[in-house]
Amino acid sequence: MSLMDAPVYDPTHDNRVRALLIGCGVLIALLVVATLAGRLTGHGWLYSGLPAEHRVDKFFDALEAKDYNKAYGIYENDANWQQHPDKYAADYPLKKFIEDWTTYSPVNGPITKHHVDVSGADGSGLLGTSVIVGVTVNNSQRVFVQYIRSDGTLTCCTTTHIIQY
């Protein structure tokens, strides 16, 4: 084949390669922004804390509604716990759970309002073995609830008083 018999230039291949490179660059930039934005807003790398925050929010919704059976199911990660209550009777029975969230509640008085504020990974690994979720309750106290990734259960950690100015 001589130079005079060369095929006609077709720019579609070059355009396709350029579009692919630009698309990959935009995708990487969006991934970096999403990663940092999740961390800076207090929801974990790549918003990895959002599932735990959602679960804790539903837990406090049930406590506000005084639906302790539903709250207990969320706490133990077993919506059908009433079909086999003996499974939890030895470790943490419903009666003790209700006492802990009413009589001996980490919050002063009944829970009437809550807001999930922040979450962070705890434990080993990039995303941690658990997520600590900070919840402001009744506009006066912050409760930290631990969401354990391996089994989806919750554990109440600590409370702090929020000073309002």
Foldseek 3Di string as FASTA:
>chain_A
DDPVPDDDDDCPVVVVVVVVVVVVVVVVVVQVVLQVVCVVQFQHGNNPNVVVLVLVVVLLVCQLVVVLLCNVCSQQVHNVCVVPQVVCVVPAHSVNVVCCCAVVDLDPHGFNDKDWRHKQADDDDRRHQWIWTWMQTPVWKIWTWIQGVVRRHIDTDHMDTDDDD
